[in-house]
C-alpha cells in the first residue's frame, strides 16, 4: 500500500496483492478518503477497498534474464548482491 500526491493534484492510492499482475490503483480527490482506506487496510478490515474505483496498474515487468546470456563473472556479481540484500533484511528483521 502506498500513496502518491503532488500539490494541487489527486491522490493515487496503490495496492499490490501478491504478484505484479495484482497491482492496482485508485485515484482519490480528498486526503480523508486516502486516510480512511489506508487505516481500514492496516486494521485488516473486511471490505477495506470496497467503494474505490480500482484499475489494474501495468508495471511493464521485464523478461527474466537468461543465464546463457550472462557471463560467469556477471552471474557471480548478481548472486553476491542478492545474498548481501538478504543478509540486511534478515538482520533488520531480528533487531
N, C-alpha and C. Protein backbone atom coordinates (compact mmCIF):
# COMPACT_ATOMS: atom_id res chain seq x y z
N UNK A 1 0.86 -1.17 0.00
CA UNK A 1 0.00 0.00 0.00
C UNK A 1 0.90 1.23 0.00
N UNK A 2 0.62 2.14 -0.90
CA UNK A 2 1.35 3.39 -0.94
C UNK A 2 0.48 4.45 -1.61
N UNK A 3 0.84 5.70 -1.38
CA UNK A 3 0.07 6.79 -1.97
C UNK A 3 1.03 7.81 -2.57
N UNK A 4 0.61 8.41 -3.67
CA UNK A 4 1.39 9.44 -4.35
C UNK A 4 0.50 10.66 -4.49
N UNK A 5 1.08 11.83 -4.20
CA UNK A 5 0.33 13.07 -4.31
C UNK A 5 1.26 14.22 -4.64
N UNK A 6 0.88 15.00 -5.63
CA UNK A 6 1.59 16.24 -5.92
C UNK A 6 0.67 17.39 -5.56
N UNK A 7 1.25 18.46 -5.05
CA UNK A 7 0.48 19.62 -4.60
C UNK A 7 -0.53 20.05 -5.67
N UNK A 8 -1.77 20.12 -5.27
CA UNK A 8 -2.82 20.55 -6.19
C UNK A 8 -3.43 19.44 -7.02
N UNK A 9 -2.91 18.22 -6.92
CA UNK A 9 -3.41 17.12 -7.73
C UNK A 9 -4.18 16.09 -6.92
N UNK A 10 -4.64 15.07 -7.62
CA UNK A 10 -5.33 13.96 -6.97
C UNK A 10 -4.34 13.09 -6.21
N UNK A 11 -4.88 12.16 -5.43
CA UNK A 11 -4.10 11.19 -4.68
C UNK A 11 -4.18 9.86 -5.43
N UNK A 12 -3.04 9.23 -5.65
CA UNK A 12 -3.01 7.93 -6.31
C UNK A 12 -2.68 6.90 -5.24
N UNK A 13 -3.65 6.09 -4.90
CA UNK A 13 -3.50 5.04 -3.90
C UNK A 13 -3.22 3.73 -4.64
N UNK A 14 -2.12 3.07 -4.27
CA UNK A 14 -1.75 1.81 -4.93
C UNK A 14 -1.77 0.67 -3.93
N UNK A 15 -2.16 -0.48 -4.43
CA UNK A 15 -2.17 -1.69 -3.61
C UNK A 15 -1.72 -2.86 -4.47
N UNK A 16 -0.87 -3.71 -3.89
CA UNK A 16 -0.41 -4.91 -4.59
C UNK A 16 -0.75 -6.11 -3.72
N UNK A 17 -1.50 -7.02 -4.28
CA UNK A 17 -1.93 -8.21 -3.55
C UNK A 17 -1.24 -9.44 -4.12
N UNK A 18 0.08 -9.52 -3.90
CA UNK A 18 0.84 -10.66 -4.38
C UNK A 18 1.67 -10.32 -5.61
N UNK A 19 1.43 -11.03 -6.68
CA UNK A 19 2.22 -10.91 -7.91
C UNK A 19 2.04 -9.54 -8.56
N UNK A 20 3.00 -9.16 -9.42
CA UNK A 20 2.92 -7.86 -10.09
C UNK A 20 1.64 -7.64 -10.89
N UNK A 21 1.04 -8.72 -11.40
CA UNK A 21 -0.19 -8.55 -12.16
C UNK A 21 -1.40 -8.28 -11.26
N UNK A 22 -1.17 -8.24 -9.95
CA UNK A 22 -2.24 -7.94 -8.99
C UNK A 22 -1.99 -6.59 -8.30
N UNK A 23 -1.37 -5.70 -9.05
CA UNK A 23 -1.06 -4.34 -8.58
C UNK A 23 -2.10 -3.41 -9.18
N UNK A 24 -2.80 -2.65 -8.35
CA UNK A 24 -3.85 -1.78 -8.85
C UNK A 24 -3.77 -0.41 -8.18
N UNK A 25 -4.54 0.52 -8.75
CA UNK A 25 -4.55 1.88 -8.20
C UNK A 25 -5.96 2.43 -8.20
N UNK A 26 -6.16 3.37 -7.30
CA UNK A 26 -7.41 4.12 -7.24
C UNK A 26 -7.04 5.60 -7.15
N UNK A 27 -7.73 6.43 -7.90
CA UNK A 27 -7.50 7.87 -7.89
C UNK A 27 -8.52 8.50 -6.94
N UNK A 28 -8.03 9.22 -5.95
CA UNK A 28 -8.89 9.85 -4.96
C UNK A 28 -8.65 11.36 -4.95
N UNK A 29 -9.68 12.12 -4.64
CA UNK A 29 -9.53 13.57 -4.68
C UNK A 29 -9.40 14.23 -3.31
N UNK A 30 -9.58 13.44 -2.23
CA UNK A 30 -9.52 14.03 -0.89
C UNK A 30 -8.61 13.22 0.02
N UNK A 31 -7.84 13.89 0.86
CA UNK A 31 -6.94 13.16 1.76
C UNK A 31 -7.69 12.30 2.77
N UNK A 32 -8.88 12.70 3.19
CA UNK A 32 -9.61 11.90 4.16
C UNK A 32 -10.03 10.55 3.58
N UNK A 33 -10.25 10.49 2.27
CA UNK A 33 -10.56 9.20 1.62
C UNK A 33 -9.34 8.28 1.65
N UNK A 34 -8.16 8.85 1.43
CA UNK A 34 -6.92 8.08 1.48
C UNK A 34 -6.68 7.58 2.89
N UNK A 35 -6.82 8.46 3.86
CA UNK A 35 -6.59 8.09 5.26
C UNK A 35 -7.54 6.98 5.68
N UNK A 36 -8.79 7.10 5.29
CA UNK A 36 -9.79 6.08 5.64
C UNK A 36 -9.43 4.72 5.04
N UNK A 37 -9.10 4.70 3.75
CA UNK A 37 -8.76 3.43 3.08
C UNK A 37 -7.51 2.81 3.69
N UNK A 38 -6.49 3.62 3.92
CA UNK A 38 -5.23 3.07 4.46
C UNK A 38 -5.42 2.59 5.91
N UNK A 39 -6.23 3.28 6.67
CA UNK A 39 -6.49 2.86 8.05
C UNK A 39 -7.24 1.54 8.08
N UNK A 40 -8.28 1.43 7.24
CA UNK A 40 -9.04 0.17 7.18
C UNK A 40 -8.16 -0.98 6.71
N UNK A 41 -7.28 -0.70 5.72
CA UNK A 41 -6.34 -1.73 5.23
C UNK A 41 -5.40 -2.17 6.36
N UNK A 42 -4.83 -1.22 7.08
CA UNK A 42 -3.89 -1.53 8.17
C UNK A 42 -4.56 -2.32 9.29
N UNK A 43 -5.83 -2.09 9.49
CA UNK A 43 -6.58 -2.82 10.54
C UNK A 43 -7.13 -4.15 10.04
N UNK A 44 -6.87 -4.46 8.76
CA UNK A 44 -7.35 -5.70 8.14
C UNK A 44 -8.88 -5.78 8.13
N UNK A 45 -9.52 -4.63 8.02
CA UNK A 45 -10.98 -4.61 7.97
C UNK A 45 -11.48 -5.28 6.69
N UNK A 46 -12.53 -6.10 6.82
CA UNK A 46 -13.16 -6.70 5.65
C UNK A 46 -13.70 -5.59 4.75
N UNK A 47 -13.49 -5.71 3.46
CA UNK A 47 -14.01 -4.74 2.51
C UNK A 47 -13.34 -3.39 2.57
N UNK A 48 -12.11 -3.35 3.04
CA UNK A 48 -11.40 -2.07 3.19
C UNK A 48 -11.31 -1.28 1.88
N UNK A 49 -11.24 -1.98 0.76
CA UNK A 49 -11.09 -1.30 -0.53
C UNK A 49 -12.37 -1.17 -1.32
N UNK A 50 -13.48 -1.61 -0.74
CA UNK A 50 -14.74 -1.52 -1.48
C UNK A 50 -15.16 -0.05 -1.59
N UNK A 51 -15.82 0.24 -2.68
CA UNK A 51 -16.26 1.61 -2.90
C UNK A 51 -15.22 2.46 -3.61
N UNK A 52 -14.01 1.93 -3.79
CA UNK A 52 -12.97 2.64 -4.53
C UNK A 52 -12.92 2.10 -5.95
N UNK A 53 -12.62 2.95 -6.89
CA UNK A 53 -12.57 2.56 -8.30
C UNK A 53 -11.16 2.08 -8.63
N UNK A 54 -10.89 0.79 -8.42
CA UNK A 54 -9.56 0.21 -8.63
C UNK A 54 -9.37 -0.13 -10.11
N UNK A 55 -8.21 0.22 -10.64
CA UNK A 55 -7.85 -0.15 -12.00
C UNK A 55 -6.50 -0.84 -11.98
N UNK A 56 -6.31 -1.85 -12.82
CA UNK A 56 -5.01 -2.54 -12.87
C UNK A 56 -3.90 -1.58 -13.26
N UNK A 57 -2.74 -1.79 -12.67
CA UNK A 57 -1.57 -0.96 -12.97
C UNK A 57 -0.59 -1.79 -13.78
N UNK A 58 -0.25 -1.32 -14.97
CA UNK A 58 0.69 -2.02 -15.84
C UNK A 58 2.10 -1.62 -15.45
N UNK A 59 2.84 -2.55 -14.86
CA UNK A 59 4.19 -2.25 -14.37
C UNK A 59 5.27 -2.47 -15.42
N UNK A 60 4.90 -2.99 -16.59
CA UNK A 60 5.88 -3.23 -17.65
C UNK A 60 7.09 -3.99 -17.10
N UNK A 61 6.84 -5.18 -16.61
CA UNK A 61 7.87 -6.01 -15.98
C UNK A 61 8.74 -6.63 -17.06
N UNK A 62 10.07 -6.46 -16.93
CA UNK A 62 10.97 -7.03 -17.94
C UNK A 62 11.00 -8.55 -17.87
N UNK A 63 11.36 -9.15 -18.97
CA UNK A 63 11.52 -10.60 -19.02
C UNK A 63 12.68 -11.02 -18.13
N UNK A 64 12.60 -12.19 -17.50
CA UNK A 64 13.71 -12.68 -16.68
C UNK A 64 14.98 -12.85 -17.53
N UNK A 65 16.11 -12.64 -16.91
CA UNK A 65 17.38 -12.83 -17.59
C UNK A 65 17.63 -14.30 -17.86
N UNK A 66 18.19 -14.58 -18.99
CA UNK A 66 18.60 -15.94 -19.30
C UNK A 66 20.05 -16.11 -18.86
N UNK A 67 20.32 -17.12 -18.08
CA UNK A 67 21.69 -17.33 -17.61
C UNK A 67 22.66 -17.58 -18.76
N UNK A 68 22.15 -18.06 -19.88
CA UNK A 68 23.04 -18.30 -21.01
C UNK A 68 23.58 -16.98 -21.57
N UNK A 69 22.87 -15.87 -21.30
CA UNK A 69 23.32 -14.57 -21.78
C UNK A 69 24.26 -13.86 -20.81
N UNK A 70 24.44 -14.42 -19.63
CA UNK A 70 25.30 -13.80 -18.64
C UNK A 70 26.69 -14.43 -18.67
N UNK A 71 27.66 -13.62 -18.43
CA UNK A 71 28.99 -14.18 -18.27
C UNK A 71 29.09 -14.75 -16.86
N UNK A 72 30.03 -15.59 -16.64
CA UNK A 72 30.22 -16.19 -15.32
C UNK A 72 30.46 -15.11 -14.26
N UNK A 73 31.24 -14.09 -14.60
CA UNK A 73 31.53 -13.01 -13.66
C UNK A 73 30.27 -12.23 -13.31
N UNK A 74 29.45 -11.91 -14.31
CA UNK A 74 28.20 -11.18 -14.04
C UNK A 74 27.26 -11.99 -13.17
N UNK A 75 27.16 -13.28 -13.42
CA UNK A 75 26.30 -14.14 -12.62
C UNK A 75 26.75 -14.16 -11.17
N UNK A 76 28.06 -14.25 -10.94
CA UNK A 76 28.58 -14.25 -9.57
C UNK A 76 28.28 -12.92 -8.88
N UNK A 77 28.44 -11.81 -9.60
CA UNK A 77 28.17 -10.48 -9.02
C UNK A 77 26.70 -10.35 -8.63
N UNK A 78 25.80 -10.81 -9.49
CA UNK A 78 24.37 -10.76 -9.18
C UNK A 78 24.03 -11.61 -7.96
N UNK A 79 24.64 -12.78 -7.86
CA UNK A 79 24.38 -13.66 -6.72
C UNK A 79 24.91 -13.04 -5.43
N UNK A 80 26.11 -12.45 -5.47
CA UNK A 80 26.66 -11.81 -4.27
C UNK A 80 25.77 -10.66 -3.81
N UNK A 81 25.31 -9.84 -4.75
CA UNK A 81 24.45 -8.71 -4.40
C UNK A 81 23.15 -9.20 -3.77
N UNK A 82 22.60 -10.27 -4.28
CA UNK A 82 21.37 -10.83 -3.74
C UNK A 82 21.58 -11.33 -2.32
N UNK A 83 22.69 -12.00 -2.07
CA UNK A 83 22.99 -12.51 -0.74
C UNK A 83 23.17 -11.35 0.23
N UNK A 84 23.86 -10.29 -0.17
CA UNK A 84 24.06 -9.13 0.70
C UNK A 84 22.73 -8.50 1.07
N UNK A 85 21.81 -8.35 0.09
CA UNK A 85 20.50 -7.77 0.39
C UNK A 85 19.73 -8.65 1.36
N UNK A 86 19.78 -9.95 1.19
CA UNK A 86 19.03 -10.83 2.08
C UNK A 86 19.60 -10.80 3.49
N UNK A 87 20.90 -10.63 3.63
CA UNK A 87 21.50 -10.51 4.97
C UNK A 87 21.04 -9.24 5.66
N UNK A 88 20.94 -8.14 4.93
CA UNK A 88 20.50 -6.88 5.51
C UNK A 88 19.06 -7.02 5.98
N UNK A 89 18.20 -7.59 5.16
CA UNK A 89 16.80 -7.78 5.54
C UNK A 89 16.69 -8.67 6.76
N UNK A 90 17.46 -9.76 6.79
CA UNK A 90 17.41 -10.68 7.92
C UNK A 90 17.87 -9.98 9.20
N UNK A 91 18.93 -9.23 9.13
CA UNK A 91 19.43 -8.53 10.31
C UNK A 91 18.41 -7.51 10.80
N UNK A 92 17.82 -6.77 9.90
CA UNK A 92 16.83 -5.77 10.31
C UNK A 92 15.61 -6.44 10.92
N UNK A 93 15.25 -7.59 10.40
CA UNK A 93 14.08 -8.29 10.91
C UNK A 93 14.26 -8.85 12.31
N UNK A 94 15.50 -9.03 12.77
CA UNK A 94 15.76 -9.60 14.08
C UNK A 94 16.21 -8.58 15.11
N UNK A 95 16.18 -7.30 14.79
CA UNK A 95 16.59 -6.26 15.77
C UNK A 95 15.51 -6.04 16.80
